[in-house]
C-alpha atoms as a PDB file:
ATOM      1  CA  MET A   1     -15.434  -6.458   6.019  1.00  0.00           C
ATOM      2  CA  TYR A   2     -15.009  -4.169   9.024  1.00  0.00           C
ATOM      3  CA  LEU A   3     -17.028  -1.291   7.601  1.00  0.00           C
ATOM      4  CA  GLN A   4     -19.797  -3.491   6.239  1.00  0.00           C
ATOM      5  CA  GLY A   5     -19.812  -6.433   8.635  1.00  0.00           C
ATOM      6  CA  ILE A   6     -19.215  -4.659  11.944  1.00  0.00           C
ATOM      7  CA  ARG A   7     -20.321  -1.087  11.238  1.00  0.00           C
ATOM      8  CA  GLY A   8     -23.244  -2.031   9.015  1.00  0.00           C
ATOM      9  CA  LEU A   9     -22.411   0.320   6.121  1.00  0.00           C
ATOM     10  CA  ASP A  10     -23.548  -0.477   2.608  1.00  0.00           C
ATOM     11  CA  PRO A  11     -20.810  -1.034  -0.040  1.00  0.00           C
ATOM     12  CA  LEU A  12     -21.124   2.498  -1.463  1.00  0.00           C
ATOM     13  CA  LYS A  13     -20.699   4.278   1.875  1.00  0.00           C
ATOM     14  CA  ALA A  14     -17.870   1.952   2.886  1.00  0.00           C
ATOM     15  CA  SER A  15     -16.073   2.696  -0.396  1.00  0.00           C
ATOM     16  CA  LEU A  16     -16.561   6.450  -0.094  1.00  0.00           C
ATOM     17  CA  LEU A  17     -14.708   6.464   3.220  1.00  0.00           C
ATOM     18  CA  LEU A  18     -11.622   5.128   1.434  1.00  0.00           C
ATOM     19  CA  VAL A  19     -11.808   7.552  -1.514  1.00  0.00           C
ATOM     20  CA  PRO A  20      -9.783  10.420   0.083  1.00  0.00           C
ATOM     21  CA  GLY A  21      -6.723   8.207   0.444  1.00  0.00           C
ATOM     22  CA  TYR A  22      -6.845   7.121  -3.201  1.00  0.00           C
ATOM     23  CA  VAL A  23      -7.444  10.655  -4.489  1.00  0.00           C
ATOM     24  CA  LEU A  24      -4.528  12.045  -2.493  1.00  0.00           C
ATOM     25  CA  SER A  25      -2.364   9.157  -3.667  1.00  0.00           C
ATOM     26  CA  SER A  26      -3.110   9.937  -7.322  1.00  0.00           C
ATOM     27  CA  LEU A  27      -2.106  13.571  -6.775  1.00  0.00           C
ATOM     28  CA  ILE A  28       1.146  12.816  -4.939  1.00  0.00           C
ATOM     29  CA  ALA A  29       2.396   9.838  -6.981  1.00  0.00           C
ATOM     30  CA  PRO A  30       3.608  11.811 -10.067  1.00  0.00           C
ATOM     31  CA  ARG A  31       5.570  14.229  -7.869  1.00  0.00           C
ATOM     32  CA  ALA A  32       7.099  11.370  -5.873  1.00  0.00           C
ATOM     33  CA  GLY A  33       8.130   9.697  -9.125  1.00  0.00           C
ATOM     34  CA  ARG A  34       9.875  12.848 -10.368  1.00  0.00           C
ATOM     35  CA  LEU A  35      11.658  13.316  -7.021  1.00  0.00           C
ATOM     36  CA  SER A  36      12.904   9.730  -7.072  1.00  0.00           C
ATOM     37  CA  ASP A  37      14.171  10.223 -10.633  1.00  0.00           C
ATOM     38  CA  LYS A  38      16.124  13.233  -9.427  1.00  0.00           C
ATOM     39  CA  TYR A  39      17.359  12.157  -5.998  1.00  0.00           C
ATOM     40  CA  GLY A  40      17.095   8.360  -6.023  1.00  0.00           C
ATOM     41  CA  ALA A  41      14.431   6.021  -4.718  1.00  0.00           C
ATOM     42  CA  ARG A  42      15.911   4.715  -1.473  1.00  0.00           C
ATOM     43  CA  VAL A  43      14.812   7.478   0.907  1.00  0.00           C
ATOM     44  CA  ILE A  44      11.449   8.162  -0.743  1.00  0.00           C
ATOM     45  CA  ALA A  45      10.486   4.489  -1.044  1.00  0.00           C
ATOM     46  CA  THR A  46      11.542   3.752   2.532  1.00  0.00           C
ATOM     47  CA  LEU A  47       9.597   6.727   3.899  1.00  0.00           C
ATOM     48  CA  GLY A  48       6.583   5.521   1.924  1.00  0.00           C
ATOM     49  CA  LEU A  49       6.821   2.094   3.538  1.00  0.00           C
ATOM     50  CA  ALA A  50       7.184   3.732   6.968  1.00  0.00           C
ATOM     51  CA  LEU A  51       3.922   5.611   6.375  1.00  0.00           C
ATOM     52  CA  MET A  52       2.221   2.396   5.271  1.00  0.00           C
ATOM     53  CA  ILE A  53       3.410   0.714   8.485  1.00  0.00           C
ATOM     54  CA  THR A  54       1.962   3.645  10.429  1.00  0.00           C
ATOM     55  CA  SER A  55      -1.398   3.382   8.684  1.00  0.00           C
ATOM     56  CA  VAL A  56      -1.699  -0.364   9.315  1.00  0.00           C
ATOM     57  CA  SER A  57      -0.734   0.290  12.937  1.00  0.00           C
ATOM     58  CA  PHE A  58      -3.747   2.619  13.139  1.00  0.00           C
ATOM     59  CA  TYR A  59      -5.966  -0.316  12.225  1.00  0.00           C
ATOM     60  CA  LEU A  60      -4.722  -2.261  15.233  1.00  0.00           C
ATOM     61  CA  PHE A  61      -6.778   0.097  17.399  1.00  0.00           C
ATOM     62  CA  LEU A  62     -10.080  -0.364  15.570  1.00  0.00           C
ATOM     63  CA  THR A  63     -13.056  -1.031  17.809  1.00  0.00           C
ATOM     64  CA  PRO A  64     -16.735  -1.595  16.978  1.00  0.00           C
ATOM     65  CA  SER A  65     -17.296   2.139  17.585  1.00  0.00           C
ATOM     66  CA  THR A  66     -14.150   3.726  16.098  1.00  0.00           C
ATOM     67  CA  SER A  67     -14.759   7.165  14.579  1.00  0.00           C
ATOM     68  CA  PHE A  68     -15.115   7.143  10.793  1.00  0.00           C
ATOM     69  CA  LEU A  69     -12.766  10.152  10.720  1.00  0.00           C
ATOM     70  CA  TYR A  70     -10.073   7.932  12.252  1.00  0.00           C
ATOM     71  CA  ILE A  71     -10.555   5.414   9.428  1.00  0.00           C
ATOM     72  CA  VAL A  72     -10.351   8.165   6.807  1.00  0.00           C
ATOM     73  CA  LEU A  73      -7.120   9.416   8.408  1.00  0.00           C
ATOM     74  CA  ALA A  74      -5.611   5.928   8.302  1.00  0.00           C
ATOM     75  CA  SER A  75      -6.621   5.630   4.651  1.00  0.00           C
ATOM     76  CA  VAL A  76      -5.027   8.998   3.833  1.00  0.00           C
ATOM     77  CA  VAL A  77      -1.744   8.065   5.538  1.00  0.00           C
ATOM     78  CA  ASN A  78      -1.716   4.770   3.627  1.00  0.00           C
ATOM     79  CA  GLY A  79      -2.439   6.593   0.372  1.00  0.00           C
ATOM     80  CA  ILE A  80       0.471   8.978   0.886  1.00  0.00           C
ATOM     81  CA  GLY A  81       2.782   6.085   1.725  1.00  0.00           C
ATOM     82  CA  ALA A  82       1.742   4.107  -1.336  1.00  0.00           C
ATOM     83  CA  ALA A  83       2.115   7.201  -3.529  1.00  0.00           C
ATOM     84  CA  MET A  84       5.703   7.541  -2.341  1.00  0.00           C
ATOM     85  CA  PHE A  85       6.733   3.882  -2.444  1.00  0.00           C
ATOM     86  CA  TYR A  86       5.347   2.525  -5.720  1.00  0.00           C
ATOM     87  CA  PRO A  87       6.574   5.239  -8.141  1.00  0.00           C
ATOM     88  CA  ALA A  88       9.971   5.408  -6.389  1.00  0.00           C
ATOM     89  CA  ASN A  89      10.408   1.645  -6.498  1.00  0.00           C
ATOM     90  CA  THR A  90       9.381   1.525 -10.145  1.00  0.00           C
ATOM     91  CA  SER A  91      11.810   4.337 -10.896  1.00  0.00           C
ATOM     92  CA  ALA A  92      14.638   2.426  -9.198  1.00  0.00           C
ATOM     93  CA  VAL A  93      13.958  -0.705 -11.231  1.00  0.00           C
ATOM     94  CA  MET A  94      13.740   1.107 -14.555  1.00  0.00           C
ATOM     95  CA  ALA A  95      16.787   3.285 -13.829  1.00  0.00           C
ATOM     96  CA  ASN A  96      18.920   0.181 -13.345  1.00  0.00           C
ATOM     97  CA  ALA A  97      17.574  -1.742 -16.335  1.00  0.00           C
ATOM     98  CA  SER A  98      19.691  -2.093 -19.449  1.00  0.00           C
ATOM     99  CA  ALA A  99      18.794   0.274 -22.266  1.00  0.00           C
ATOM    100  CA  GLY A 100      17.521  -2.518 -24.496  1.00  0.00           C
ATOM    101  CA  PHE A 101      15.565  -4.230 -21.751  1.00  0.00           C
ATOM    102  CA  TYR A 102      13.124  -1.521 -20.631  1.00  0.00           C
ATOM    103  CA  GLY A 103      10.091  -3.378 -21.991  1.00  0.00           C
ATOM    104  CA  GLY A 104      11.098  -6.654 -20.376  1.00  0.00           C
ATOM    105  CA  ALA A 105      11.925  -4.958 -17.066  1.00  0.00           C
ATOM    106  CA  SER A 106       8.575  -3.184 -17.049  1.00  0.00           C
ATOM    107  CA  GLY A 107       6.753  -6.422 -17.832  1.00  0.00           C
ATOM    108  CA  LEU A 108       8.561  -8.348 -15.111  1.00  0.00           C
ATOM    109  CA  LEU A 109       7.924  -5.564 -12.610  1.00  0.00           C
ATOM    110  CA  ARG A 110       4.192  -5.596 -13.350  1.00  0.00           C
ATOM    111  CA  THR A 111       4.104  -9.406 -13.213  1.00  0.00           C
ATOM    112  CA  PHE A 112       5.747  -9.506  -9.792  1.00  0.00           C
ATOM    113  CA  ALA A 113       3.470  -6.703  -8.565  1.00  0.00           C
ATOM    114  CA  ASN A 114       0.395  -8.696  -9.593  1.00  0.00           C
ATOM    115  CA  ILE A 115       1.787 -11.849  -7.965  1.00  0.00           C
ATOM    116  CA  GLY A 116       2.463  -9.839  -4.807  1.00  0.00           C
ATOM    117  CA  THR A 117      -1.096  -8.519  -4.766  1.00  0.00           C
ATOM    118  CA  LEU A 118      -2.478 -12.038  -5.168  1.00  0.00           C
ATOM    119  CA  LEU A 119      -0.200 -13.429  -2.450  1.00  0.00           C
ATOM    120  CA  SER A 120      -1.197 -10.624  -0.087  1.00  0.00           C
ATOM    121  CA  TYR A 121      -4.836 -11.731  -0.324  1.00  0.00           C
ATOM    122  CA  VAL A 122      -3.853 -15.356   0.165  1.00  0.00           C
ATOM    123  CA  ILE A 123      -1.778 -14.528   3.238  1.00  0.00           C
ATOM    124  CA  ALA A 124      -4.426 -12.216   4.718  1.00  0.00           C
ATOM    125  CA  ILE A 125      -7.260 -14.710   4.244  1.00  0.00           C
ATOM    126  CA  SER A 126      -5.144 -17.633   5.464  1.00  0.00           C
ATOM    127  CA  VAL A 127      -4.074 -15.811   8.633  1.00  0.00           C
ATOM    128  CA  SER A 128      -7.602 -14.566   9.235  1.00  0.00           C
ATOM    129  CA  SER A 129      -9.056 -18.037   8.801  1.00  0.00           C
ATOM    130  CA  ILE A 130      -6.685 -19.311  11.491  1.00  0.00           C
ATOM    131  CA  ALA A 131      -7.133 -16.369  13.875  1.00  0.00           C
ATOM    132  CA  VAL A 132     -10.891 -15.810  13.510  1.00  0.00           C
ATOM    133  CA  PRO A 133     -13.145 -18.415  15.178  1.00  0.00           C
ATOM    134  CA  ARG A 134     -14.819 -20.670  12.626  1.00  0.00           C
ATOM    135  CA  TYR A 135     -18.405 -19.688  13.430  1.00  0.00           C
ATOM    136  CA  VAL A 136     -17.463 -15.973  13.221  1.00  0.00           C
ATOM    137  CA  ALA A 137     -15.803 -16.489   9.838  1.00  0.00           C
ATOM    138  CA  PHE A 138     -18.957 -18.150   8.514  1.00  0.00           C
ATOM    139  CA  GLU A 139     -21.066 -15.187   9.600  1.00  0.00           C
ATOM    140  CA  VAL A 140     -18.684 -12.750   7.913  1.00  0.00           C
ATOM    141  CA  PHE A 141     -18.057 -14.566   4.643  1.00  0.00           C
ATOM    142  CA  LEU A 142     -21.613 -15.839   4.153  1.00  0.00           C
ATOM    143  CA  GLY A 143     -22.922 -12.305   3.929  1.00  0.00           C
ATOM    144  CA  THR A 144     -24.151 -11.344   7.371  1.00  0.00           C
ATOM    145  CA  THR A 145     -25.102  -7.679   7.026  1.00  0.00           C
ATOM    146  CA  LYS A 146     -23.989  -6.662  10.511  1.00  0.00           C
ATOM    147  CA  LEU A 147     -22.150  -8.492  13.252  1.00  0.00           C
ATOM    148  CA  ILE A 148     -23.446  -7.746  16.723  1.00  0.00           C
ATOM    149  CA  GLY A 149     -22.372  -8.344  20.297  1.00  0.00           C
ATOM    150  CA  GLY A 150     -19.362 -10.527  20.986  1.00  0.00           C
ATOM    151  CA  VAL A 151     -19.217 -11.791  17.397  1.00  0.00           C
ATOM    152  CA  GLY A 152     -17.998  -8.422  16.129  1.00  0.00           C
ATOM    153  CA  GLN A 153     -15.363  -8.177  18.842  1.00  0.00           C
ATOM    154  CA  GLU A 154     -14.077 -11.689  18.143  1.00  0.00           C
ATOM    155  CA  PHE A 155     -13.836 -10.875  14.454  1.00  0.00           C
ATOM    156  CA  LEU A 156     -11.830  -7.722  15.247  1.00  0.00           C
ATOM    157  CA  GLN A 157      -9.417  -9.653  17.464  1.00  0.00           C
ATOM    158  CA  GLY A 158      -8.869 -12.100  14.632  1.00  0.00           C
ATOM    159  CA  ILE A 159      -8.119  -9.509  11.963  1.00  0.00           C
ATOM    160  CA  HIS A 160      -5.774  -7.699  14.351  1.00  0.00           C
ATOM    161  CA  VAL A 161      -3.519 -10.751  13.970  1.00  0.00           C
ATOM    162  CA  THR A 162      -3.631 -10.237  10.201  1.00  0.00           C
ATOM    163  CA  PHE A 163      -2.634  -6.592  10.632  1.00  0.00           C
ATOM    164  CA  LEU A 164       0.332  -7.659  12.776  1.00  0.00           C
ATOM    165  CA  VAL A 165       1.492 -10.031  10.032  1.00  0.00           C
ATOM    166  CA  SER A 166       1.085  -7.218   7.510  1.00  0.00           C
ATOM    167  CA  ILE A 167       3.165  -4.866   9.657  1.00  0.00           C
ATOM    168  CA  SER A 168       5.886  -7.519   9.952  1.00  0.00           C
ATOM    169  CA  LEU A 169       6.083  -7.914   6.173  1.00  0.00           C
ATOM    170  CA  LEU A 170       6.150  -4.135   5.671  1.00  0.00           C
ATOM    171  CA  VAL A 171       8.959  -3.764   8.219  1.00  0.00           C
ATOM    172  CA  ILE A 172      11.010  -6.366   6.338  1.00  0.00           C
ATOM    173  CA  SER A 173      10.316  -4.488   3.086  1.00  0.00           C
ATOM    174  CA  ALA A 174      11.325  -1.167   4.655  1.00  0.00           C
ATOM    175  CA  LEU A 175      14.601  -2.630   5.922  1.00  0.00           C
ATOM    176  CA  MET A 176      15.364  -4.051   2.480  1.00  0.00           C
ATOM    177  CA  SER A 177      14.497  -0.727   0.853  1.00  0.00           C
ATOM    178  CA  ALA A 178      16.698   1.206   3.276  1.00  0.00           C
ATOM    179  CA  SER A 179      19.643  -1.122   2.657  1.00  0.00           C
ATOM    180  CA  ARG A 180      19.546  -0.978  -1.136  1.00  0.00           C
ATOM    181  CA  GLY A 181      22.827   0.109  -2.696  1.00  0.00           C
ATOM    182  CA  LYS A 182      23.671   3.376  -4.355  1.00  0.00           C
ATOM    183  CA  GLU A 183      21.643   3.841  -7.524  1.00  0.00           C
ATOM    184  CA  GLU A 184      23.019   4.662 -10.938  1.00  0.00           C
ATOM    185  CA  ARG A 185      20.962   7.434 -12.481  1.00  0.00           C
ATOM    186  CA  ARG A 186      23.131   8.335 -15.443  1.00  0.00           C
ATOM    187  CA  GLY A 187      20.472   7.460 -18.034  1.00  0.00           C
ATOM    188  CA  ILE A 188      17.809   9.514 -16.315  1.00  0.00           C
ATOM    189  CA  THR A 189      20.197  12.431 -15.793  1.00  0.00           C
ATOM    190  CA  LEU A 190      21.145  12.371 -19.480  1.00  0.00           C
ATOM    191  CA  ARG A 191      17.498  12.374 -20.539  1.00  0.00           C
ATOM    192  CA  ALA A 192      16.772  15.247 -18.150  1.00  0.00           C
ATOM    193  CA  GLN A 193      19.661  17.252 -19.622  1.00  0.00           C
ATOM    194  CA  GLN A 194      18.448  16.567 -23.157  1.00  0.00           C
ATOM    195  CA  GLU A 195      14.920  17.658 -22.253  1.00  0.00           C
ATOM    196  CA  SER A 196      16.306  20.793 -20.609  1.00  0.00           C
ATOM    197  CA  ARG A 197      18.353  21.688 -23.712  1.00  0.00           C
ATOM    198  CA  THR A 198      15.327  21.045 -25.924  1.00  0.00           C
ATOM    199  CA  SER A 199      13.098  23.320 -23.855  1.00  0.00           C
ATOM    200  CA  GLU A 200      15.793  26.049 -23.802  1.00  0.00           C
ATOM    201  CA  SER A 201      16.215  25.932 -27.576  1.00  0.00           C
ATOM    202  CA  SER A 202      12.427  26.168 -28.001  1.00  0.00           C
END
């Protein structure tokens, strides 16, 4: 909404600005997953959340004339954070699941992730609808191609409230991640040893 409504970019150009963060995330995520398998998820997942908090904090300083490079940087920081958190958190869940319950644990994890994604949209839109003046919201959601003058600034002030709520939720998540107990990684260690012996014998 910011890139299209306030900056006047078409959907393709707006999407391309966010591509670097997703590409970098896809490159880092497998490595982060392997590191969390080896060393545990607590530190890696918490650092990932800290980076996500940092990236959302960047968005608090958006203005109608913010450099596109600044937006790309924020997207990259968010991508790195997500690439660290999600694989590490998944690794922690699966490492602590019972041997016969891997399928169920994976299914529950994906279900809760989808519910979380849906709730995040609900929360963001609900907060925005309260914080953004009604006439501004109509101009944004009814497809105005570019917001001009004070309308754009009022819209930005409204979504800044949404970013603050997002930061608050991420901080709570980071605190919970940092306080998680010591992880049991015996199953993963055993599999790693078996794979190592297999590769040596080959």
